[in-house]
Amino acid sequence: PDELLNADLKHHVHAARAASADLAR
């Protein structure tokens, strides 16, 4: 279940478009 949450997070929070502080927020 942790990996499924991680995949969901990666799908919805796009690291490529966010600066480090934005990514954390």
mmCIF file of all heavy atoms, coordinates in Angstrom:
data_MODEL
# 
_entry.id   MODEL 
# 
loop_
_atom_site.group_PDB 
_atom_site.id 
_atom_site.type_symbol 
_atom_site.label_atom_id 
_atom_site.label_alt_id 
_atom_site.label_comp_id 
_atom_site.label_asym_id 
_atom_site.label_entity_id 
_atom_site.label_seq_id 
_atom_site.pdbx_PDB_ins_code 
_atom_site.Cartn_x 
_atom_site.Cartn_y 
_atom_site.Cartn_z 
_atom_site.occupancy 
_atom_site.B_iso_or_equiv 
_atom_site.pdbx_formal_charge 
_atom_site.auth_seq_id 
_atom_site.auth_comp_id 
_atom_site.auth_asym_id 
_atom_site.auth_atom_id 
_atom_site.pdbx_PDB_model_num 
ATOM 1   N N   . PRO A 1 1  ? 0.804  -1.228 0.000   1.00 0.00 ? 1  PRO A N   1 
ATOM 2   C CA  . PRO A 1 1  ? 0.000  0.000  0.000   1.00 0.00 ? 1  PRO A CA  1 
ATOM 3   C C   . PRO A 1 1  ? 0.839  1.282  0.000   1.00 0.00 ? 1  PRO A C   1 
ATOM 4   O O   . PRO A 1 1  ? 0.463  2.269  -0.616  1.00 0.00 ? 1  PRO A O   1 
ATOM 5   C CB  . PRO A 1 1  ? -0.835 -0.121 1.279   1.00 0.00 ? 1  PRO A CB  1 
ATOM 6   C CG  . PRO A 1 1  ? -0.963 -1.595 1.484   1.00 0.00 ? 1  PRO A CG  1 
ATOM 7   C CD  . PRO A 1 1  ? 0.348  -2.161 1.041   1.00 0.00 ? 1  PRO A CD  1 
ATOM 8   N N   . ASP A 1 2  ? 2.007  1.256  0.646   1.00 0.00 ? 2  ASP A N   1 
ATOM 9   C CA  . ASP A 1 2  ? 2.878  2.433  0.619   1.00 0.00 ? 2  ASP A CA  1 
ATOM 10  C C   . ASP A 1 2  ? 3.331  2.763  -0.790  1.00 0.00 ? 2  ASP A C   1 
ATOM 11  O O   . ASP A 1 2  ? 3.403  3.931  -1.187  1.00 0.00 ? 2  ASP A O   1 
ATOM 12  C CB  . ASP A 1 2  ? 4.119  2.217  1.494   1.00 0.00 ? 2  ASP A CB  1 
ATOM 13  C CG  . ASP A 1 2  ? 3.791  2.133  2.967   1.00 0.00 ? 2  ASP A CG  1 
ATOM 14  O OD1 . ASP A 1 2  ? 2.760  2.691  3.377   1.00 0.00 ? 2  ASP A OD1 1 
ATOM 15  O OD2 . ASP A 1 2  ? 4.573  1.514  3.703   1.00 0.00 ? 2  ASP A OD2 1 
ATOM 16  N N   . GLU A 1 3  ? 3.662  1.728  -1.552  1.00 0.00 ? 3  GLU A N   1 
ATOM 17  C CA  . GLU A 1 3  ? 4.107  1.938  -2.926  1.00 0.00 ? 3  GLU A CA  1 
ATOM 18  C C   . GLU A 1 3  ? 2.965  2.469  -3.798  1.00 0.00 ? 3  GLU A C   1 
ATOM 19  O O   . GLU A 1 3  ? 3.198  3.249  -4.720  1.00 0.00 ? 3  GLU A O   1 
ATOM 20  C CB  . GLU A 1 3  ? 4.665  0.644  -3.511  1.00 0.00 ? 3  GLU A CB  1 
ATOM 21  C CG  . GLU A 1 3  ? 5.949  0.196  -2.857  1.00 0.00 ? 3  GLU A CG  1 
ATOM 22  C CD  . GLU A 1 3  ? 7.078  1.197  -3.029  1.00 0.00 ? 3  GLU A CD  1 
ATOM 23  O OE1 . GLU A 1 3  ? 7.141  1.892  -4.050  1.00 0.00 ? 3  GLU A OE1 1 
ATOM 24  O OE2 . GLU A 1 3  ? 7.911  1.281  -2.105  1.00 0.00 ? 3  GLU A OE2 1 
ATOM 25  N N   . LEU A 1 4  ? 1.743  2.045  -3.510  1.00 0.00 ? 4  LEU A N   1 
ATOM 26  C CA  . LEU A 1 4  ? 0.603  2.550  -4.269  1.00 0.00 ? 4  LEU A CA  1 
ATOM 27  C C   . LEU A 1 4  ? 0.375  4.029  -3.971  1.00 0.00 ? 4  LEU A C   1 
ATOM 28  O O   . LEU A 1 4  ? 0.080  4.815  -4.877  1.00 0.00 ? 4  LEU A O   1 
ATOM 29  C CB  . LEU A 1 4  ? -0.647 1.726  -3.964  1.00 0.00 ? 4  LEU A CB  1 
ATOM 30  C CG  . LEU A 1 4  ? -0.569 0.265  -4.411  1.00 0.00 ? 4  LEU A CG  1 
ATOM 31  C CD1 . LEU A 1 4  ? -1.794 -0.496 -3.947  1.00 0.00 ? 4  LEU A CD1 1 
ATOM 32  C CD2 . LEU A 1 4  ? -0.411 0.165  -5.912  1.00 0.00 ? 4  LEU A CD2 1 
ATOM 33  N N   . LEU A 1 5  ? 0.528  4.430  -2.720  1.00 0.00 ? 5  LEU A N   1 
ATOM 34  C CA  . LEU A 1 5  ? 0.440  5.848  -2.371  1.00 0.00 ? 5  LEU A CA  1 
ATOM 35  C C   . LEU A 1 5  ? 1.550  6.628  -3.058  1.00 0.00 ? 5  LEU A C   1 
ATOM 36  O O   . LEU A 1 5  ? 1.317  7.703  -3.614  1.00 0.00 ? 5  LEU A O   1 
ATOM 37  C CB  . LEU A 1 5  ? 0.524  6.044  -0.855  1.00 0.00 ? 5  LEU A CB  1 
ATOM 38  C CG  . LEU A 1 5  ? 0.640  7.501  -0.382  1.00 0.00 ? 5  LEU A CG  1 
ATOM 39  C CD1 . LEU A 1 5  ? -0.591 8.309  -0.772  1.00 0.00 ? 5  LEU A CD1 1 
ATOM 40  C CD2 . LEU A 1 5  ? 0.880  7.558  1.109   1.00 0.00 ? 5  LEU A CD2 1 
ATOM 41  N N   . ASN A 1 6  ? 2.755  6.085  -3.052  1.00 0.00 ? 6  ASN A N   1 
ATOM 42  C CA  . ASN A 1 6  ? 3.878  6.747  -3.699  1.00 0.00 ? 6  ASN A CA  1 
ATOM 43  C C   . ASN A 1 6  ? 3.618  6.938  -5.193  1.00 0.00 ? 6  ASN A C   1 
ATOM 44  O O   . ASN A 1 6  ? 3.885  8.007  -5.745  1.00 0.00 ? 6  ASN A O   1 
ATOM 45  C CB  . ASN A 1 6  ? 5.155  5.934  -3.473  1.00 0.00 ? 6  ASN A CB  1 
ATOM 46  C CG  . ASN A 1 6  ? 6.385  6.656  -3.938  1.00 0.00 ? 6  ASN A CG  1 
ATOM 47  O OD1 . ASN A 1 6  ? 6.521  7.866  -3.750  1.00 0.00 ? 6  ASN A OD1 1 
ATOM 48  N ND2 . ASN A 1 6  ? 7.294  5.921  -4.540  1.00 0.00 ? 6  ASN A ND2 1 
ATOM 49  N N   . ALA A 1 7  ? 3.090  5.929  -5.853  1.00 0.00 ? 7  ALA A N   1 
ATOM 50  C CA  . ALA A 1 7  ? 2.781  6.034  -7.278  1.00 0.00 ? 7  ALA A CA  1 
ATOM 51  C C   . ALA A 1 7  ? 1.696  7.085  -7.515  1.00 0.00 ? 7  ALA A C   1 
ATOM 52  O O   . ALA A 1 7  ? 1.775  7.859  -8.476  1.00 0.00 ? 7  ALA A O   1 
ATOM 53  C CB  . ALA A 1 7  ? 2.340  4.681  -7.820  1.00 0.00 ? 7  ALA A CB  1 
ATOM 54  N N   . ASP A 1 8  ? 0.693  7.117  -6.641  1.00 0.00 ? 8  ASP A N   1 
ATOM 55  C CA  . ASP A 1 8  ? -0.379 8.114  -6.739  1.00 0.00 ? 8  ASP A CA  1 
ATOM 56  C C   . ASP A 1 8  ? 0.198  9.524  -6.575  1.00 0.00 ? 8  ASP A C   1 
ATOM 57  O O   . ASP A 1 8  ? -0.131 10.438 -7.337  1.00 0.00 ? 8  ASP A O   1 
ATOM 58  C CB  . ASP A 1 8  ? -1.429 7.826  -5.661  1.00 0.00 ? 8  ASP A CB  1 
ATOM 59  C CG  . ASP A 1 8  ? -2.730 8.560  -5.851  1.00 0.00 ? 8  ASP A CG  1 
ATOM 60  O OD1 . ASP A 1 8  ? -2.997 9.057  -6.970  1.00 0.00 ? 8  ASP A OD1 1 
ATOM 61  O OD2 . ASP A 1 8  ? -3.504 8.622  -4.880  1.00 0.00 ? 8  ASP A OD2 1 
ATOM 62  N N   . LEU A 1 9  ? 1.071  9.691  -5.599  1.00 0.00 ? 9  LEU A N   1 
ATOM 63  C CA  . LEU A 1 9  ? 1.719  10.977 -5.363  1.00 0.00 ? 9  LEU A CA  1 
ATOM 64  C C   . LEU A 1 9  ? 2.509  11.406 -6.588  1.00 0.00 ? 9  LEU A C   1 
ATOM 65  O O   . LEU A 1 9  ? 2.379  12.539 -7.057  1.00 0.00 ? 9  LEU A O   1 
ATOM 66  C CB  . LEU A 1 9  ? 2.645  10.875 -4.144  1.00 0.00 ? 9  LEU A CB  1 
ATOM 67  C CG  . LEU A 1 9  ? 3.545  12.067 -3.858  1.00 0.00 ? 9  LEU A CG  1 
ATOM 68  C CD1 . LEU A 1 9  ? 2.715  13.277 -3.460  1.00 0.00 ? 9  LEU A CD1 1 
ATOM 69  C CD2 . LEU A 1 9  ? 4.542  11.724 -2.774  1.00 0.00 ? 9  LEU A CD2 1 
ATOM 70  N N   . LYS A 1 10 ? 3.315  10.510 -7.137  1.00 0.00 ? 10 LYS A N   1 
ATOM 71  C CA  . LYS A 1 10 ? 4.122  10.838 -8.311  1.00 0.00 ? 10 LYS A CA  1 
ATOM 72  C C   . LYS A 1 10 ? 3.247  11.188 -9.513  1.00 0.00 ? 10 LYS A C   1 
ATOM 73  O O   . LYS A 1 10 ? 3.608  12.030 -10.324 1.00 0.00 ? 10 LYS A O   1 
ATOM 74  C CB  . LYS A 1 10 ? 5.041  9.676  -8.663  1.00 0.00 ? 10 LYS A CB  1 
ATOM 75  C CG  . LYS A 1 10 ? 6.189  9.528  -7.702  1.00 0.00 ? 10 LYS A CG  1 
ATOM 76  C CD  . LYS A 1 10 ? 7.071  8.365  -8.115  1.00 0.00 ? 10 LYS A CD  1 
ATOM 77  C CE  . LYS A 1 10 ? 8.246  8.215  -7.186  1.00 0.00 ? 10 LYS A CE  1 
ATOM 78  N NZ  . LYS A 1 10 ? 9.124  7.104  -7.595  1.00 0.00 ? 10 LYS A NZ  1 
ATOM 79  N N   . HIS A 1 11 ? 2.107  10.535 -9.611  1.00 0.00 ? 11 HIS A N   1 
ATOM 80  C CA  . HIS A 1 11 ? 1.194  10.809 -10.720 1.00 0.00 ? 11 HIS A CA  1 
ATOM 81  C C   . HIS A 1 11 ? 0.572  12.202 -10.610 1.00 0.00 ? 11 HIS A C   1 
ATOM 82  O O   . HIS A 1 11 ? 0.362  12.866 -11.616 1.00 0.00 ? 11 HIS A O   1 
ATOM 83  C CB  . HIS A 1 11 ? 0.091  9.738  -10.758 1.00 0.00 ? 11 HIS A CB  1 
ATOM 84  C CG  . HIS A 1 11 ? -0.914 9.961  -11.826 1.00 0.00 ? 11 HIS A CG  1 
ATOM 85  N ND1 . HIS A 1 11 ? -0.655 9.662  -13.152 1.00 0.00 ? 11 HIS A ND1 1 
ATOM 86  C CD2 . HIS A 1 11 ? -2.174 10.452 -11.786 1.00 0.00 ? 11 HIS A CD2 1 
ATOM 87  C CE1 . HIS A 1 11 ? -1.729 9.977  -13.865 1.00 0.00 ? 11 HIS A CE1 1 
ATOM 88  N NE2 . HIS A 1 11 ? -2.664 10.447 -13.062 1.00 0.00 ? 11 HIS A NE2 1 
ATOM 89  N N   . HIS A 1 12 ? 0.290  12.643 -9.394  1.00 0.00 ? 12 HIS A N   1 
ATOM 90  C CA  . HIS A 1 12 ? -0.412 13.908 -9.201  1.00 0.00 ? 12 HIS A CA  1 
ATOM 91  C C   . HIS A 1 12 ? 0.478  15.101 -8.893  1.00 0.00 ? 12 HIS A C   1 
ATOM 92  O O   . HIS A 1 12 ? 0.060  16.240 -9.081  1.00 0.00 ? 12 HIS A O   1 
ATOM 93  C CB  . HIS A 1 12 ? -1.458 13.761 -8.090  1.00 0.00 ? 12 HIS A CB  1 
ATOM 94  C CG  . HIS A 1 12 ? -2.623 12.939 -8.526  1.00 0.00 ? 12 HIS A CG  1 
ATOM 95  N ND1 . HIS A 1 12 ? -2.682 11.578 -8.325  1.00 0.00 ? 12 HIS A ND1 1 
ATOM 96  C CD2 . HIS A 1 12 ? -3.754 13.276 -9.167  1.00 0.00 ? 12 HIS A CD2 1 
ATOM 97  C CE1 . HIS A 1 12 ? -3.812 11.125 -8.832  1.00 0.00 ? 12 HIS A CE1 1 
ATOM 98  N NE2 . HIS A 1 12 ? -4.484 12.124 -9.347  1.00 0.00 ? 12 HIS A NE2 1 
ATOM 99  N N   . VAL A 1 13 ? 1.684  14.879 -8.393  1.00 0.00 ? 13 VAL A N   1 
ATOM 100 C CA  . VAL A 1 13 ? 2.604  15.974 -8.085  1.00 0.00 ? 13 VAL A CA  1 
ATOM 101 C C   . VAL A 1 13 ? 3.766  15.845 -9.064  1.00 0.00 ? 13 VAL A C   1 
ATOM 102 O O   . VAL A 1 13 ? 4.553  14.915 -8.976  1.00 0.00 ? 13 VAL A O   1 
ATOM 103 C CB  . VAL A 1 13 ? 3.099  15.907 -6.625  1.00 0.00 ? 13 VAL A CB  1 
ATOM 104 C CG1 . VAL A 1 13 ? 4.119  17.005 -6.357  1.00 0.00 ? 13 VAL A CG1 1 
ATOM 105 C CG2 . VAL A 1 13 ? 1.928  16.020 -5.658  1.00 0.00 ? 13 VAL A CG2 1 
ATOM 106 N N   . HIS A 1 14 ? 3.853  16.763 -9.964  1.00 0.00 ? 14 HIS A N   1 
ATOM 107 C CA  . HIS A 1 14 ? 4.827  16.692 -11.044 1.00 0.00 ? 14 HIS A CA  1 
ATOM 108 C C   . HIS A 1 14 ? 6.114  17.419 -10.660 1.00 0.00 ? 14 HIS A C   1 
ATOM 109 O O   . HIS A 1 14 ? 6.186  18.641 -10.698 1.00 0.00 ? 14 HIS A O   1 
ATOM 110 C CB  . HIS A 1 14 ? 4.236  17.264 -12.322 1.00 0.00 ? 14 HIS A CB  1 
ATOM 111 C CG  . HIS A 1 14 ? 2.954  16.590 -12.703 1.00 0.00 ? 14 HIS A CG  1 
ATOM 112 N ND1 . HIS A 1 14 ? 2.926  15.336 -13.255 1.00 0.00 ? 14 HIS A ND1 1 
ATOM 113 C CD2 . HIS A 1 14 ? 1.666  16.975 -12.574 1.00 0.00 ? 14 HIS A CD2 1 
ATOM 114 C CE1 . HIS A 1 14 ? 1.669  14.986 -13.464 1.00 0.00 ? 14 HIS A CE1 1 
ATOM 115 N NE2 . HIS A 1 14 ? 0.879  15.954 -13.054 1.00 0.00 ? 14 HIS A NE2 1 
ATOM 116 N N   . ALA A 1 15 ? 7.127  16.659 -10.298 1.00 0.00 ? 15 ALA A N   1 
ATOM 117 C CA  . ALA A 1 15 ? 8.398  17.214 -9.826  1.00 0.00 ? 15 ALA A CA  1 
ATOM 118 C C   . ALA A 1 15 ? 9.088  18.048 -10.901 1.00 0.00 ? 15 ALA A C   1 
ATOM 119 O O   . ALA A 1 15 ? 9.754  19.029 -10.589 1.00 0.00 ? 15 ALA A O   1 
ATOM 120 C CB  . ALA A 1 15 ? 9.315  16.086 -9.370  1.00 0.00 ? 15 ALA A CB  1 
ATOM 121 N N   . ALA A 1 16 ? 8.925  17.675 -12.142 1.00 0.00 ? 16 ALA A N   1 
ATOM 122 C CA  . ALA A 1 16 ? 9.617  18.387 -13.214 1.00 0.00 ? 16 ALA A CA  1 
ATOM 123 C C   . ALA A 1 16 ? 9.150  19.836 -13.332 1.00 0.00 ? 16 ALA A C   1 
ATOM 124 O O   . ALA A 1 16 ? 9.887  20.689 -13.798 1.00 0.00 ? 16 ALA A O   1 
ATOM 125 C CB  . ALA A 1 16 ? 9.410  17.663 -14.540 1.00 0.00 ? 16 ALA A CB  1 
ATOM 126 N N   . ARG A 1 17 ? 7.936  20.108 -12.883 1.00 0.00 ? 17 ARG A N   1 
ATOM 127 C CA  . ARG A 1 17 ? 7.387  21.458 -13.011 1.00 0.00 ? 17 ARG A CA  1 
ATOM 128 C C   . ARG A 1 17 ? 7.476  22.268 -11.724 1.00 0.00 ? 17 ARG A C   1 
ATOM 129 O O   . ARG A 1 17 ? 7.003  23.395 -11.684 1.00 0.00 ? 17 ARG A O   1 
ATOM 130 C CB  . ARG A 1 17 ? 5.927  21.387 -13.447 1.00 0.00 ? 17 ARG A CB  1 
ATOM 131 C CG  . ARG A 1 17 ? 5.791  20.904 -14.878 1.00 0.00 ? 17 ARG A CG  1 
ATOM 132 C CD  . ARG A 1 17 ? 4.378  21.042 -15.326 1.00 0.00 ? 17 ARG A CD  1 
ATOM 133 N NE  . ARG A 1 17 ? 3.650  19.854 -14.881 1.00 0.00 ? 17 ARG A NE  1 
ATOM 134 C CZ  . ARG A 1 17 ? 2.330  19.782 -14.799 1.00 0.00 ? 17 ARG A CZ  1 
ATOM 135 N NH1 . ARG A 1 17 ? 1.593  20.807 -15.097 1.00 0.00 ? 17 ARG A NH1 1 
ATOM 136 N NH2 . ARG A 1 17 ? 1.749  18.693 -14.406 1.00 0.00 ? 17 ARG A NH2 1 
ATOM 137 N N   . ALA A 1 18 ? 8.068  21.708 -10.678 1.00 0.00 ? 18 ALA A N   1 
ATOM 138 C CA  . ALA A 1 18 ? 8.069  22.397 -9.395  1.00 0.00 ? 18 ALA A CA  1 
ATOM 139 C C   . ALA A 1 18 ? 9.491  22.588 -8.884  1.00 0.00 ? 18 ALA A C   1 
ATOM 140 O O   . ALA A 1 18 ? 10.324 21.702 -9.000  1.00 0.00 ? 18 ALA A O   1 
ATOM 141 C CB  . ALA A 1 18 ? 7.268  21.594 -8.377  1.00 0.00 ? 18 ALA A CB  1 
ATOM 142 N N   . ALA A 1 19 ? 9.735  23.764 -8.318  1.00 0.00 ? 19 ALA A N   1 
ATOM 143 C CA  . ALA A 1 19 ? 11.007 24.007 -7.637  1.00 0.00 ? 19 ALA A CA  1 
ATOM 144 C C   . ALA A 1 19 ? 10.998 23.206 -6.340  1.00 0.00 ? 19 ALA A C   1 
ATOM 145 O O   . ALA A 1 19 ? 9.961  22.695 -5.912  1.00 0.00 ? 19 ALA A O   1 
ATOM 146 C CB  . ALA A 1 19 ? 11.164 25.496 -7.357  1.00 0.00 ? 19 ALA A CB  1 
ATOM 147 N N   . SER A 1 20 ? 12.117 23.101 -5.704  1.00 0.00 ? 20 SER A N   1 
ATOM 148 C CA  . SER A 1 20 ? 12.242 22.280 -4.496  1.00 0.00 ? 20 SER A CA  1 
ATOM 149 C C   . SER A 1 20 ? 11.221 22.657 -3.422  1.00 0.00 ? 20 SER A C   1 
ATOM 150 O O   . SER A 1 20 ? 10.547 21.800 -2.865  1.00 0.00 ? 20 SER A O   1 
ATOM 151 C CB  . SER A 1 20 ? 13.654 22.410 -3.943  1.00 0.00 ? 20 SER A CB  1 
ATOM 152 O OG  . SER A 1 20 ? 13.812 21.620 -2.813  1.00 0.00 ? 20 SER A OG  1 
ATOM 153 N N   . ALA A 1 21 ? 11.086 23.943 -3.121  1.00 0.00 ? 21 ALA A N   1 
ATOM 154 C CA  . ALA A 1 21 ? 10.128 24.386 -2.098  1.00 0.00 ? 21 ALA A CA  1 
ATOM 155 C C   . ALA A 1 21 ? 8.700  24.116 -2.554  1.00 0.00 ? 21 ALA A C   1 
ATOM 156 O O   . ALA A 1 21 ? 7.854  23.711 -1.754  1.00 0.00 ? 21 ALA A O   1 
ATOM 157 C CB  . ALA A 1 21 ? 10.324 25.862 -1.791  1.00 0.00 ? 21 ALA A CB  1 
ATOM 158 N N   . ASP A 1 22 ? 8.437  24.334 -3.838  1.00 0.00 ? 22 ASP A N   1 
ATOM 159 C CA  . ASP A 1 22 ? 7.101  24.062 -4.375  1.00 0.00 ? 22 ASP A CA  1 
ATOM 160 C C   . ASP A 1 22 ? 6.774  22.575 -4.300  1.00 0.00 ? 22 ASP A C   1 
ATOM 161 O O   . ASP A 1 22 ? 5.644  22.197 -4.009  1.00 0.00 ? 22 ASP A O   1 
ATOM 162 C CB  . ASP A 1 22 ? 6.993  24.516 -5.829  1.00 0.00 ? 22 ASP A CB  1 
ATOM 163 C CG  . ASP A 1 22 ? 7.033  26.024 -5.979  1.00 0.00 ? 22 ASP A CG  1 
ATOM 164 O OD1 . ASP A 1 22 ? 6.736  26.731 -4.999  1.00 0.00 ? 22 ASP A OD1 1 
ATOM 165 O OD2 . ASP A 1 22 ? 7.369  26.483 -7.083  1.00 0.00 ? 22 ASP A OD2 1 
ATOM 166 N N   . LEU A 1 23 ? 7.758  21.753 -4.571  1.00 0.00 ? 23 LEU A N   1 
ATOM 167 C CA  . LEU A 1 23 ? 7.544  20.308 -4.541  1.00 0.00 ? 23 LEU A CA  1 
ATOM 168 C C   . LEU A 1 23 ? 7.160  19.850 -3.134  1.00 0.00 ? 23 LEU A C   1 
ATOM 169 O O   . LEU A 1 23 ? 6.224  19.071 -2.969  1.00 0.00 ? 23 LEU A O   1 
ATOM 170 C CB  . LEU A 1 23 ? 8.803  19.580 -5.014  1.00 0.00 ? 23 LEU A CB  1 
ATOM 171 C CG  . LEU A 1 23 ? 8.725  18.062 -5.084  1.00 0.00 ? 23 LEU A CG  1 
ATOM 172 C CD1 . LEU A 1 23 ? 7.603  17.612 -6.001  1.00 0.00 ? 23 LEU A CD1 1 
ATOM 173 C CD2 . LEU A 1 23 ? 10.054 17.503 -5.557  1.00 0.00 ? 23 LEU A CD2 1 
ATOM 174 N N   . ALA A 1 24 ? 7.846  20.358 -2.129  1.00 0.00 ? 24 ALA A N   1 
ATOM 175 C CA  . ALA A 1 24 ? 7.522  19.999 -0.747  1.00 0.00 ? 24 ALA A CA  1 
ATOM 176 C C   . ALA A 1 24 ? 6.115  20.470 -0.395  1.00 0.00 ? 24 ALA A C   1 
ATOM 177 O O   . ALA A 1 24 ? 5.342  19.723 0.211   1.00 0.00 ? 24 ALA A O   1 
ATOM 178 C CB  . ALA A 1 24 ? 8.544  20.600 0.214   1.00 0.00 ? 24 ALA A CB  1 
ATOM 179 N N   . ARG A 1 25 ? 5.761  21.685 -0.781  1.00 0.00 ? 25 ARG A N   1 
ATOM 180 C CA  . ARG A 1 25 ? 4.430  22.231 -0.488  1.00 0.00 ? 25 ARG A CA  1 
ATOM 181 C C   . ARG A 1 25 ? 3.352  21.426 -1.205  1.00 0.00 ? 25 ARG A C   1 
ATOM 182 O O   . ARG A 1 25 ? 2.330  21.061 -0.603  1.00 0.00 ? 25 ARG A O   1 
ATOM 183 C CB  . ARG A 1 25 ? 4.358  23.702 -0.887  1.00 0.00 ? 25 ARG A CB  1 
ATOM 184 C CG  . ARG A 1 25 ? 3.042  24.350 -0.463  1.00 0.00 ? 25 ARG A CG  1 
ATOM 185 C CD  . ARG A 1 25 ? 2.939  25.803 -0.904  1.00 0.00 ? 25 ARG A CD  1 
ATOM 186 N NE  . ARG A 1 25 ? 2.668  25.828 -2.344  1.00 0.00 ? 25 ARG A NE  1 
ATOM 187 C CZ  . ARG A 1 25 ? 3.434  26.440 -3.250  1.00 0.00 ? 25 ARG A CZ  1 
ATOM 188 N NH1 . ARG A 1 25 ? 4.513  27.086 -2.889  1.00 0.00 ? 25 ARG A NH1 1 
ATOM 189 N NH2 . ARG A 1 25 ? 3.117  26.411 -4.516  1.00 0.00 ? 25 ARG A NH2 1 
# 
